N, C-alpha and C. Protein backbone atom coordinates (compact mmCIF):
# COMPACT_ATOMS: atom_id res chain seq x y z
N MET A 1 -5.24 44.78 1.85
CA MET A 1 -4.23 44.46 2.82
C MET A 1 -2.96 45.23 2.48
N THR A 2 -2.39 45.85 3.48
CA THR A 2 -1.19 46.64 3.24
C THR A 2 0.03 45.73 3.23
N SER A 3 1.14 46.32 2.81
CA SER A 3 2.39 45.57 2.73
C SER A 3 2.85 45.11 4.11
N LEU A 4 2.64 45.96 5.12
CA LEU A 4 3.05 45.61 6.48
C LEU A 4 2.22 44.44 7.01
N GLN A 5 0.91 44.46 6.73
CA GLN A 5 0.05 43.37 7.18
C GLN A 5 0.42 42.06 6.49
N SER A 6 0.71 42.13 5.19
CA SER A 6 1.06 40.89 4.49
C SER A 6 2.40 40.34 4.98
N LYS A 7 3.36 41.21 5.27
CA LYS A 7 4.65 40.73 5.78
C LYS A 7 4.48 40.14 7.18
N THR A 8 3.62 40.74 8.01
CA THR A 8 3.36 40.21 9.35
C THR A 8 2.67 38.85 9.24
N THR A 9 1.68 38.76 8.38
CA THR A 9 0.98 37.49 8.17
C THR A 9 1.94 36.43 7.66
N GLN A 10 2.79 36.80 6.73
CA GLN A 10 3.77 35.87 6.17
C GLN A 10 4.76 35.42 7.25
N PHE A 11 5.18 36.33 8.11
CA PHE A 11 6.11 35.99 9.18
C PHE A 11 5.49 34.95 10.12
N PHE A 12 4.24 35.18 10.54
CA PHE A 12 3.59 34.24 11.45
C PHE A 12 3.28 32.91 10.77
N ALA A 13 2.99 32.95 9.49
CA ALA A 13 2.76 31.70 8.76
C ALA A 13 4.04 30.88 8.72
N TYR A 14 5.17 31.52 8.40
CA TYR A 14 6.45 30.82 8.38
C TYR A 14 6.85 30.35 9.78
N LEU A 15 6.56 31.15 10.77
CA LEU A 15 6.86 30.77 12.14
C LEU A 15 6.07 29.52 12.54
N PHE A 16 4.80 29.49 12.19
CA PHE A 16 3.95 28.33 12.48
C PHE A 16 4.43 27.10 11.71
N LEU A 17 4.74 27.26 10.43
CA LEU A 17 5.23 26.13 9.63
C LEU A 17 6.58 25.63 10.13
N GLY A 18 7.43 26.53 10.55
CA GLY A 18 8.72 26.13 11.12
C GLY A 18 8.55 25.34 12.40
N ALA A 19 7.64 25.80 13.26
CA ALA A 19 7.38 25.07 14.51
C ALA A 19 6.79 23.70 14.23
N ALA A 20 5.91 23.62 13.25
CA ALA A 20 5.32 22.33 12.89
C ALA A 20 6.39 21.39 12.32
N ALA A 21 7.27 21.91 11.47
CA ALA A 21 8.34 21.09 10.91
C ALA A 21 9.30 20.63 12.00
N PHE A 22 9.61 21.50 12.93
CA PHE A 22 10.50 21.15 14.03
C PHE A 22 9.88 20.05 14.89
N SER A 23 8.58 20.15 15.15
CA SER A 23 7.92 19.15 16.00
C SER A 23 7.86 17.78 15.32
N VAL A 24 7.98 17.75 14.01
CA VAL A 24 8.01 16.47 13.30
C VAL A 24 9.43 15.95 13.16
N VAL A 25 10.36 16.80 12.82
CA VAL A 25 11.73 16.38 12.52
C VAL A 25 12.53 16.09 13.80
N PHE A 26 12.33 16.86 14.85
CA PHE A 26 13.12 16.70 16.07
C PHE A 26 13.05 15.29 16.66
N PRO A 27 11.85 14.70 16.84
CA PRO A 27 11.83 13.33 17.38
C PRO A 27 12.52 12.30 16.48
N LEU A 28 12.44 12.50 15.17
CA LEU A 28 13.11 11.57 14.26
C LEU A 28 14.63 11.67 14.38
N VAL A 29 15.14 12.88 14.43
CA VAL A 29 16.59 13.08 14.59
C VAL A 29 17.05 12.54 15.94
N LEU A 30 16.27 12.79 16.98
CA LEU A 30 16.62 12.29 18.31
C LEU A 30 16.62 10.77 18.33
N MET A 31 15.68 10.15 17.66
CA MET A 31 15.63 8.69 17.60
C MET A 31 16.86 8.13 16.89
N ILE A 32 17.25 8.75 15.78
CA ILE A 32 18.43 8.28 15.04
C ILE A 32 19.70 8.47 15.88
N LEU A 33 19.83 9.63 16.51
CA LEU A 33 21.01 9.87 17.35
C LEU A 33 21.06 8.91 18.53
N ASN A 34 19.93 8.65 19.18
CA ASN A 34 19.92 7.75 20.32
C ASN A 34 20.16 6.30 19.91
N SER A 35 19.87 5.97 18.66
CA SER A 35 20.14 4.60 18.21
C SER A 35 21.64 4.35 18.07
N LEU A 36 22.44 5.41 18.01
CA LEU A 36 23.89 5.28 17.89
C LEU A 36 24.59 5.38 19.24
N ARG A 37 23.82 5.47 20.32
CA ARG A 37 24.40 5.65 21.65
C ARG A 37 24.14 4.42 22.52
N THR A 38 24.92 4.31 23.59
CA THR A 38 24.69 3.24 24.56
C THR A 38 23.56 3.66 25.50
N ASN A 39 23.04 2.68 26.24
CA ASN A 39 21.98 3.00 27.20
C ASN A 39 22.46 3.97 28.27
N PHE A 40 23.69 3.82 28.72
CA PHE A 40 24.24 4.72 29.74
C PHE A 40 24.28 6.16 29.22
N GLU A 41 24.71 6.35 27.97
CA GLU A 41 24.76 7.70 27.40
C GLU A 41 23.37 8.30 27.27
N ILE A 42 22.40 7.49 26.92
CA ILE A 42 21.03 8.00 26.77
C ILE A 42 20.48 8.42 28.13
N LEU A 43 20.71 7.60 29.15
CA LEU A 43 20.18 7.92 30.48
C LEU A 43 20.90 9.11 31.11
N SER A 44 22.21 9.25 30.85
CA SER A 44 22.93 10.36 31.46
C SER A 44 22.65 11.69 30.77
N SER A 45 22.41 11.67 29.46
CA SER A 45 22.13 12.89 28.73
C SER A 45 21.19 12.57 27.56
N PRO A 46 19.87 12.62 27.81
CA PRO A 46 18.90 12.19 26.80
C PRO A 46 18.95 12.98 25.49
N LEU A 47 19.33 14.24 25.55
CA LEU A 47 19.34 15.06 24.34
C LEU A 47 20.74 15.29 23.78
N GLY A 48 21.73 14.57 24.30
CA GLY A 48 23.11 14.78 23.87
C GLY A 48 23.45 14.03 22.59
N LEU A 49 24.64 14.35 22.09
CA LEU A 49 25.15 13.67 20.90
C LEU A 49 25.93 12.44 21.33
N PRO A 50 26.04 11.42 20.46
CA PRO A 50 26.81 10.23 20.82
C PRO A 50 28.31 10.55 20.91
N GLU A 51 28.96 10.03 21.94
CA GLU A 51 30.40 10.26 22.08
C GLU A 51 31.16 9.48 21.01
N THR A 52 30.86 8.21 20.90
CA THR A 52 31.43 7.38 19.83
C THR A 52 30.25 6.64 19.18
N PRO A 53 29.88 7.01 17.98
CA PRO A 53 28.73 6.35 17.34
C PRO A 53 28.95 4.85 17.20
N ASN A 54 27.93 4.08 17.54
CA ASN A 54 28.00 2.63 17.51
C ASN A 54 27.08 2.11 16.41
N PHE A 55 27.65 1.89 15.23
CA PHE A 55 26.86 1.39 14.10
C PHE A 55 26.70 -0.13 14.16
N GLY A 56 27.45 -0.79 15.03
CA GLY A 56 27.37 -2.25 15.15
C GLY A 56 26.03 -2.72 15.66
N ILE A 57 25.32 -1.86 16.35
CA ILE A 57 24.02 -2.24 16.88
C ILE A 57 23.03 -2.55 15.75
N TYR A 58 23.17 -1.85 14.63
CA TYR A 58 22.29 -2.11 13.49
C TYR A 58 22.53 -3.52 12.95
N ARG A 59 23.79 -3.92 12.87
CA ARG A 59 24.12 -5.28 12.41
C ARG A 59 23.57 -6.31 13.39
N GLN A 60 23.74 -6.04 14.66
CA GLN A 60 23.26 -6.97 15.69
C GLN A 60 21.74 -7.13 15.62
N VAL A 61 21.03 -6.03 15.50
CA VAL A 61 19.57 -6.09 15.41
C VAL A 61 19.15 -6.82 14.14
N TRP A 62 19.82 -6.56 13.03
CA TRP A 62 19.50 -7.20 11.75
C TRP A 62 19.62 -8.72 11.87
N ILE A 63 20.71 -9.17 12.54
CA ILE A 63 20.95 -10.61 12.65
C ILE A 63 20.02 -11.25 13.68
N GLU A 64 19.91 -10.65 14.87
CA GLU A 64 19.12 -11.27 15.93
C GLU A 64 17.64 -11.33 15.61
N SER A 65 17.12 -10.32 14.95
CA SER A 65 15.69 -10.32 14.64
C SER A 65 15.39 -10.89 13.27
N ARG A 66 16.42 -11.33 12.56
CA ARG A 66 16.27 -11.95 11.23
C ARG A 66 15.46 -11.05 10.29
N LEU A 67 15.86 -9.80 10.21
CA LEU A 67 15.15 -8.84 9.36
C LEU A 67 15.30 -9.15 7.88
N GLY A 68 16.39 -9.80 7.48
CA GLY A 68 16.58 -10.15 6.08
C GLY A 68 15.50 -11.10 5.60
N GLY A 69 15.22 -12.12 6.39
CA GLY A 69 14.16 -13.07 6.03
C GLY A 69 12.79 -12.42 6.04
N ALA A 70 12.57 -11.55 7.02
CA ALA A 70 11.28 -10.86 7.08
C ALA A 70 11.09 -9.94 5.88
N LEU A 71 12.17 -9.28 5.47
CA LEU A 71 12.09 -8.41 4.30
C LEU A 71 11.82 -9.22 3.05
N LEU A 72 12.47 -10.35 2.92
CA LEU A 72 12.24 -11.23 1.77
C LEU A 72 10.80 -11.74 1.75
N ASN A 73 10.29 -12.16 2.91
CA ASN A 73 8.90 -12.62 2.99
C ASN A 73 7.93 -11.50 2.61
N SER A 74 8.19 -10.30 3.09
CA SER A 74 7.31 -9.18 2.77
C SER A 74 7.31 -8.88 1.28
N CYS A 75 8.49 -8.92 0.66
CA CYS A 75 8.57 -8.67 -0.79
C CYS A 75 7.85 -9.76 -1.57
N LEU A 76 8.00 -11.00 -1.14
CA LEU A 76 7.33 -12.12 -1.81
C LEU A 76 5.82 -12.00 -1.72
N VAL A 77 5.32 -11.72 -0.52
CA VAL A 77 3.87 -11.59 -0.33
C VAL A 77 3.33 -10.38 -1.09
N ALA A 78 4.06 -9.27 -1.07
CA ALA A 78 3.61 -8.07 -1.78
C ALA A 78 3.57 -8.31 -3.28
N ALA A 79 4.61 -8.94 -3.83
CA ALA A 79 4.63 -9.21 -5.27
C ALA A 79 3.51 -10.17 -5.66
N GLY A 80 3.30 -11.20 -4.87
CA GLY A 80 2.21 -12.14 -5.16
C GLY A 80 0.84 -11.49 -5.06
N THR A 81 0.67 -10.63 -4.07
CA THR A 81 -0.62 -9.95 -3.90
C THR A 81 -0.89 -9.01 -5.06
N VAL A 82 0.10 -8.24 -5.45
CA VAL A 82 -0.08 -7.31 -6.58
C VAL A 82 -0.39 -8.09 -7.85
N THR A 83 0.29 -9.20 -8.06
CA THR A 83 0.03 -10.02 -9.25
C THR A 83 -1.39 -10.55 -9.25
N LEU A 84 -1.82 -11.10 -8.12
CA LEU A 84 -3.19 -11.61 -8.04
C LEU A 84 -4.23 -10.52 -8.25
N VAL A 85 -4.02 -9.38 -7.60
CA VAL A 85 -4.99 -8.28 -7.73
C VAL A 85 -5.06 -7.81 -9.19
N CYS A 86 -3.91 -7.69 -9.84
CA CYS A 86 -3.91 -7.25 -11.24
C CYS A 86 -4.56 -8.28 -12.15
N LEU A 87 -4.30 -9.55 -11.89
CA LEU A 87 -4.90 -10.61 -12.72
C LEU A 87 -6.42 -10.68 -12.57
N VAL A 88 -6.93 -10.34 -11.41
CA VAL A 88 -8.37 -10.41 -11.18
C VAL A 88 -9.06 -9.09 -11.51
N ALA A 89 -8.50 -7.99 -11.04
CA ALA A 89 -9.20 -6.70 -11.15
C ALA A 89 -9.16 -6.12 -12.56
N THR A 90 -8.09 -6.33 -13.31
CA THR A 90 -7.98 -5.71 -14.63
C THR A 90 -9.05 -6.23 -15.60
N PRO A 91 -9.17 -7.54 -15.80
CA PRO A 91 -10.22 -7.98 -16.73
C PRO A 91 -11.63 -7.68 -16.21
N ALA A 92 -11.82 -7.79 -14.89
CA ALA A 92 -13.14 -7.49 -14.33
C ALA A 92 -13.50 -6.02 -14.53
N ALA A 93 -12.54 -5.14 -14.34
CA ALA A 93 -12.80 -3.71 -14.53
C ALA A 93 -13.08 -3.41 -16.00
N TRP A 94 -12.38 -4.08 -16.90
CA TRP A 94 -12.63 -3.85 -18.34
C TRP A 94 -14.04 -4.29 -18.70
N VAL A 95 -14.47 -5.44 -18.21
CA VAL A 95 -15.83 -5.92 -18.51
C VAL A 95 -16.86 -4.96 -17.93
N ILE A 96 -16.67 -4.53 -16.72
CA ILE A 96 -17.65 -3.63 -16.09
C ILE A 96 -17.66 -2.28 -16.78
N ALA A 97 -16.51 -1.82 -17.28
CA ALA A 97 -16.44 -0.51 -17.94
C ALA A 97 -16.98 -0.56 -19.36
N ARG A 98 -16.81 -1.67 -20.08
CA ARG A 98 -17.13 -1.71 -21.51
C ARG A 98 -18.40 -2.47 -21.86
N ARG A 99 -18.88 -3.31 -21.00
CA ARG A 99 -20.07 -4.11 -21.30
C ARG A 99 -21.22 -3.68 -20.40
N ARG A 100 -22.39 -4.01 -20.86
CA ARG A 100 -23.57 -3.79 -20.02
C ARG A 100 -23.68 -4.99 -19.08
N VAL A 101 -23.46 -4.73 -17.83
CA VAL A 101 -23.50 -5.80 -16.84
C VAL A 101 -24.81 -5.69 -16.08
N PRO A 102 -25.67 -6.71 -16.19
CA PRO A 102 -26.92 -6.63 -15.44
C PRO A 102 -26.63 -6.66 -13.94
N GLY A 103 -27.28 -5.79 -13.23
CA GLY A 103 -27.10 -5.72 -11.79
C GLY A 103 -25.81 -5.03 -11.36
N TRP A 104 -25.30 -4.13 -12.21
CA TRP A 104 -24.05 -3.44 -11.88
C TRP A 104 -24.17 -2.67 -10.57
N MET A 105 -25.31 -2.09 -10.31
CA MET A 105 -25.46 -1.32 -9.07
C MET A 105 -25.36 -2.24 -7.85
N ALA A 106 -25.97 -3.42 -7.92
CA ALA A 106 -25.88 -4.36 -6.81
C ALA A 106 -24.44 -4.84 -6.62
N ILE A 107 -23.75 -5.08 -7.74
CA ILE A 107 -22.35 -5.51 -7.66
C ILE A 107 -21.49 -4.41 -7.04
N SER A 108 -21.71 -3.18 -7.47
CA SER A 108 -20.91 -2.09 -6.94
C SER A 108 -21.20 -1.87 -5.45
N LEU A 109 -22.45 -2.02 -5.04
CA LEU A 109 -22.76 -1.91 -3.61
C LEU A 109 -22.11 -3.02 -2.81
N TYR A 110 -22.07 -4.22 -3.39
CA TYR A 110 -21.39 -5.34 -2.71
C TYR A 110 -19.91 -5.03 -2.54
N PHE A 111 -19.26 -4.57 -3.61
CA PHE A 111 -17.83 -4.26 -3.52
C PHE A 111 -17.58 -3.10 -2.56
N LEU A 112 -18.46 -2.11 -2.57
CA LEU A 112 -18.32 -1.00 -1.64
C LEU A 112 -18.47 -1.47 -0.20
N ALA A 113 -19.41 -2.38 0.03
CA ALA A 113 -19.59 -2.91 1.39
C ALA A 113 -18.38 -3.71 1.82
N THR A 114 -17.76 -4.44 0.90
CA THR A 114 -16.58 -5.22 1.28
C THR A 114 -15.40 -4.33 1.62
N THR A 115 -15.34 -3.15 1.06
CA THR A 115 -14.23 -2.26 1.40
C THR A 115 -14.44 -1.57 2.75
N THR A 116 -15.67 -1.53 3.22
CA THR A 116 -15.94 -0.84 4.49
C THR A 116 -15.95 -1.78 5.69
N VAL A 117 -15.97 -3.09 5.47
CA VAL A 117 -15.97 -4.04 6.57
C VAL A 117 -14.55 -4.15 7.13
N PRO A 118 -14.40 -4.02 8.44
CA PRO A 118 -13.05 -4.13 9.02
C PRO A 118 -12.46 -5.53 8.82
N VAL A 119 -11.19 -5.56 8.55
CA VAL A 119 -10.50 -6.81 8.29
C VAL A 119 -10.50 -7.70 9.53
N GLN A 120 -10.54 -7.10 10.70
CA GLN A 120 -10.48 -7.86 11.95
C GLN A 120 -11.66 -8.82 12.08
N MET A 121 -12.75 -8.55 11.39
CA MET A 121 -13.91 -9.44 11.46
C MET A 121 -13.62 -10.80 10.82
N PHE A 122 -12.64 -10.85 9.94
CA PHE A 122 -12.37 -12.07 9.21
C PHE A 122 -11.23 -12.89 9.81
N ILE A 123 -10.55 -12.38 10.82
CA ILE A 123 -9.34 -13.03 11.31
C ILE A 123 -9.64 -14.42 11.88
N PHE A 124 -10.60 -14.54 12.78
CA PHE A 124 -10.88 -15.84 13.39
C PHE A 124 -11.43 -16.85 12.38
N PRO A 125 -12.43 -16.50 11.58
CA PRO A 125 -12.91 -17.49 10.60
C PRO A 125 -11.81 -17.91 9.62
N LEU A 126 -10.99 -16.96 9.18
CA LEU A 126 -9.91 -17.32 8.26
C LEU A 126 -8.88 -18.22 8.93
N TYR A 127 -8.57 -17.93 10.17
CA TYR A 127 -7.61 -18.76 10.88
C TYR A 127 -8.10 -20.20 10.97
N PHE A 128 -9.36 -20.38 11.38
CA PHE A 128 -9.88 -21.74 11.52
C PHE A 128 -10.00 -22.43 10.16
N LEU A 129 -10.36 -21.68 9.13
CA LEU A 129 -10.44 -22.26 7.78
C LEU A 129 -9.05 -22.68 7.30
N PHE A 130 -8.07 -21.81 7.45
CA PHE A 130 -6.71 -22.13 7.01
C PHE A 130 -6.12 -23.27 7.84
N ALA A 131 -6.45 -23.34 9.12
CA ALA A 131 -5.96 -24.45 9.95
C ALA A 131 -6.57 -25.77 9.48
N LYS A 132 -7.85 -25.73 9.10
CA LYS A 132 -8.53 -26.94 8.66
C LYS A 132 -7.98 -27.46 7.34
N ILE A 133 -7.63 -26.57 6.42
CA ILE A 133 -7.14 -27.02 5.11
C ILE A 133 -5.62 -27.01 5.02
N GLY A 134 -4.95 -26.74 6.12
CA GLY A 134 -3.49 -26.84 6.17
C GLY A 134 -2.74 -25.70 5.52
N LEU A 135 -3.25 -24.50 5.60
CA LEU A 135 -2.59 -23.35 4.99
C LEU A 135 -2.00 -22.38 6.02
N LEU A 136 -1.80 -22.83 7.26
CA LEU A 136 -1.15 -21.95 8.23
C LEU A 136 0.33 -21.84 7.88
N ASN A 137 0.92 -20.68 8.16
CA ASN A 137 2.33 -20.40 7.85
C ASN A 137 2.61 -20.60 6.37
N ASN A 138 1.72 -20.09 5.54
CA ASN A 138 1.85 -20.26 4.10
C ASN A 138 1.73 -18.89 3.43
N HIS A 139 2.69 -18.59 2.56
CA HIS A 139 2.66 -17.30 1.87
C HIS A 139 1.43 -17.16 0.98
N PHE A 140 1.02 -18.24 0.34
CA PHE A 140 -0.08 -18.16 -0.61
C PHE A 140 -1.40 -17.82 0.08
N ALA A 141 -1.60 -18.33 1.29
CA ALA A 141 -2.81 -18.00 2.03
C ALA A 141 -2.86 -16.50 2.32
N LEU A 142 -1.73 -15.96 2.72
CA LEU A 142 -1.67 -14.53 3.00
C LEU A 142 -1.89 -13.71 1.74
N MET A 143 -1.32 -14.18 0.62
CA MET A 143 -1.53 -13.47 -0.65
C MET A 143 -3.00 -13.45 -1.04
N PHE A 144 -3.69 -14.56 -0.87
CA PHE A 144 -5.10 -14.62 -1.22
C PHE A 144 -5.94 -13.71 -0.32
N VAL A 145 -5.61 -13.66 0.96
CA VAL A 145 -6.34 -12.78 1.88
C VAL A 145 -6.14 -11.32 1.48
N TYR A 146 -4.89 -10.93 1.25
CA TYR A 146 -4.63 -9.55 0.84
C TYR A 146 -5.27 -9.23 -0.51
N ALA A 147 -5.23 -10.18 -1.43
CA ALA A 147 -5.85 -9.95 -2.74
C ALA A 147 -7.36 -9.74 -2.57
N ALA A 148 -7.98 -10.52 -1.71
CA ALA A 148 -9.43 -10.36 -1.48
C ALA A 148 -9.74 -9.01 -0.85
N ILE A 149 -8.84 -8.52 -0.02
CA ILE A 149 -9.06 -7.23 0.64
C ILE A 149 -8.90 -6.07 -0.35
N TYR A 150 -7.89 -6.14 -1.21
CA TYR A 150 -7.55 -5.01 -2.08
C TYR A 150 -8.19 -5.05 -3.46
N THR A 151 -8.78 -6.15 -3.86
CA THR A 151 -9.38 -6.23 -5.19
C THR A 151 -10.55 -5.27 -5.39
N PRO A 152 -11.49 -5.10 -4.45
CA PRO A 152 -12.59 -4.17 -4.71
C PRO A 152 -12.14 -2.75 -5.00
N PHE A 153 -11.21 -2.24 -4.21
CA PHE A 153 -10.72 -0.88 -4.46
C PHE A 153 -10.02 -0.80 -5.81
N SER A 154 -9.21 -1.80 -6.13
CA SER A 154 -8.51 -1.81 -7.42
C SER A 154 -9.50 -1.89 -8.56
N LEU A 155 -10.56 -2.64 -8.37
CA LEU A 155 -11.58 -2.76 -9.40
C LEU A 155 -12.23 -1.41 -9.69
N PHE A 156 -12.61 -0.69 -8.64
CA PHE A 156 -13.20 0.64 -8.83
C PHE A 156 -12.21 1.59 -9.49
N LEU A 157 -10.97 1.55 -9.04
CA LEU A 157 -9.95 2.45 -9.59
C LEU A 157 -9.69 2.15 -11.07
N LEU A 158 -9.54 0.88 -11.41
CA LEU A 158 -9.29 0.51 -12.81
C LEU A 158 -10.51 0.75 -13.69
N ARG A 159 -11.70 0.54 -13.15
CA ARG A 159 -12.91 0.80 -13.94
C ARG A 159 -12.98 2.28 -14.31
N THR A 160 -12.70 3.14 -13.36
CA THR A 160 -12.70 4.58 -13.64
C THR A 160 -11.67 4.93 -14.69
N TYR A 161 -10.49 4.32 -14.60
CA TYR A 161 -9.45 4.58 -15.60
C TYR A 161 -9.89 4.08 -16.97
N MET A 162 -10.46 2.91 -17.04
CA MET A 162 -10.85 2.33 -18.33
C MET A 162 -12.01 3.08 -18.97
N LEU A 163 -12.83 3.72 -18.16
CA LEU A 163 -13.89 4.56 -18.73
C LEU A 163 -13.31 5.79 -19.42
N SER A 164 -12.11 6.21 -19.00
CA SER A 164 -11.50 7.40 -19.61
C SER A 164 -10.79 7.07 -20.92
N ILE A 165 -10.57 5.80 -21.22
CA ILE A 165 -9.92 5.41 -22.48
C ILE A 165 -10.95 5.47 -23.59
N PRO A 166 -10.67 6.18 -24.67
CA PRO A 166 -11.65 6.27 -25.76
C PRO A 166 -11.93 4.90 -26.38
N ILE A 167 -13.17 4.63 -26.66
CA ILE A 167 -13.58 3.37 -27.26
C ILE A 167 -12.98 3.20 -28.65
N GLU A 168 -12.64 4.33 -29.29
CA GLU A 168 -12.07 4.26 -30.63
C GLU A 168 -10.72 3.54 -30.63
N LEU A 169 -9.97 3.63 -29.53
CA LEU A 169 -8.69 2.92 -29.44
C LEU A 169 -8.90 1.41 -29.49
N GLU A 170 -9.92 0.92 -28.80
CA GLU A 170 -10.20 -0.50 -28.84
C GLU A 170 -10.68 -0.92 -30.23
N GLU A 171 -11.50 -0.08 -30.84
CA GLU A 171 -11.98 -0.41 -32.19
C GLU A 171 -10.83 -0.43 -33.18
N ALA A 172 -9.89 0.50 -33.05
CA ALA A 172 -8.74 0.52 -33.94
C ALA A 172 -7.87 -0.72 -33.72
N ALA A 173 -7.72 -1.13 -32.48
CA ALA A 173 -6.92 -2.33 -32.19
C ALA A 173 -7.59 -3.57 -32.75
N LYS A 174 -8.92 -3.63 -32.66
CA LYS A 174 -9.64 -4.78 -33.21
C LYS A 174 -9.52 -4.83 -34.72
N SER A 175 -9.48 -3.67 -35.37
CA SER A 175 -9.39 -3.66 -36.83
C SER A 175 -7.99 -4.06 -37.30
N MET A 176 -6.98 -4.00 -36.43
CA MET A 176 -5.62 -4.38 -36.79
C MET A 176 -5.43 -5.90 -36.78
N VAL A 177 -6.29 -6.62 -36.04
CA VAL A 177 -6.16 -8.07 -35.94
C VAL A 177 -6.86 -8.71 -37.13
N PRO A 178 -6.19 -9.61 -37.87
CA PRO A 178 -6.84 -10.27 -39.01
C PRO A 178 -8.03 -11.09 -38.55
N GLU A 179 -9.05 -11.19 -39.39
CA GLU A 179 -10.27 -11.90 -39.06
C GLU A 179 -10.01 -13.37 -38.74
N THR A 180 -9.10 -14.00 -39.42
CA THR A 180 -8.88 -15.43 -39.22
C THR A 180 -8.30 -15.74 -37.86
N SER A 181 -7.44 -14.87 -37.35
CA SER A 181 -6.82 -15.16 -36.05
C SER A 181 -7.66 -14.67 -34.89
N ARG A 182 -8.70 -13.89 -35.17
CA ARG A 182 -9.50 -13.34 -34.09
C ARG A 182 -10.29 -14.42 -33.35
N TYR A 183 -10.80 -15.41 -34.06
CA TYR A 183 -11.68 -16.40 -33.43
C TYR A 183 -11.11 -17.81 -33.48
N SER A 184 -9.92 -17.99 -34.03
CA SER A 184 -9.38 -19.33 -34.16
C SER A 184 -8.64 -19.79 -32.92
N GLY A 185 -8.53 -18.93 -31.93
CA GLY A 185 -7.84 -19.30 -30.72
C GLY A 185 -6.34 -19.07 -30.81
N ALA A 186 -5.85 -18.47 -31.91
CA ALA A 186 -4.42 -18.23 -32.08
C ALA A 186 -4.03 -16.91 -31.48
C-alpha cells in the first residue's frame, strides 16, 4: 500500500468515525440543551440554544417525582443484592472449584439453564407467591429475586477465578493456622 492510499484510507476512516461520534453525541447535547428551555422555545426553534437557561426545572422534577427516595431505594436494593450474591456465590464457587462435586456437570447445566430463562416467566408466579406470604412492596423480596437471578452467573465467574488461584496459597494459609484452633471452632 502506498503512502497516498494509506492517507486516503485514514481520512475516510476518520471521517466515518467522526460521523458516528456526531450521530451519538448530537442527540445527547440536544436533549441537555432542550431540558434547559421552555416548551415555547423548543417548539419555535427545535435546534436553537436556550435564551435563558432554566435550571429550576431539575429541582421541580426531582421533588415532584421523588427521585431522592427512588435513588435511596435503588441503592438499598443493589447493596442488599450484591451482599446476598456474594454470601451465596463465593463459598459455593470455592467448593465447586476445589472439591470433587458429584454431578458437577448436571449442576452446571442447571445453572446455565437458569441464566438463559427469561425473567418475565417468573413475574406472575412470584407476584402471587409474594402476595400470599405478604412480601409485596418489600425491599427484601426484591433483593432475593435479584440474588436468584444473578447468582448463577456470579458462581461461574467466581469459580473460574478460584481455579486460577494456586492451591499452594491455600496450603500455606492452612499451615499458618495452629492445629488446636483449626477444629475447636475458635
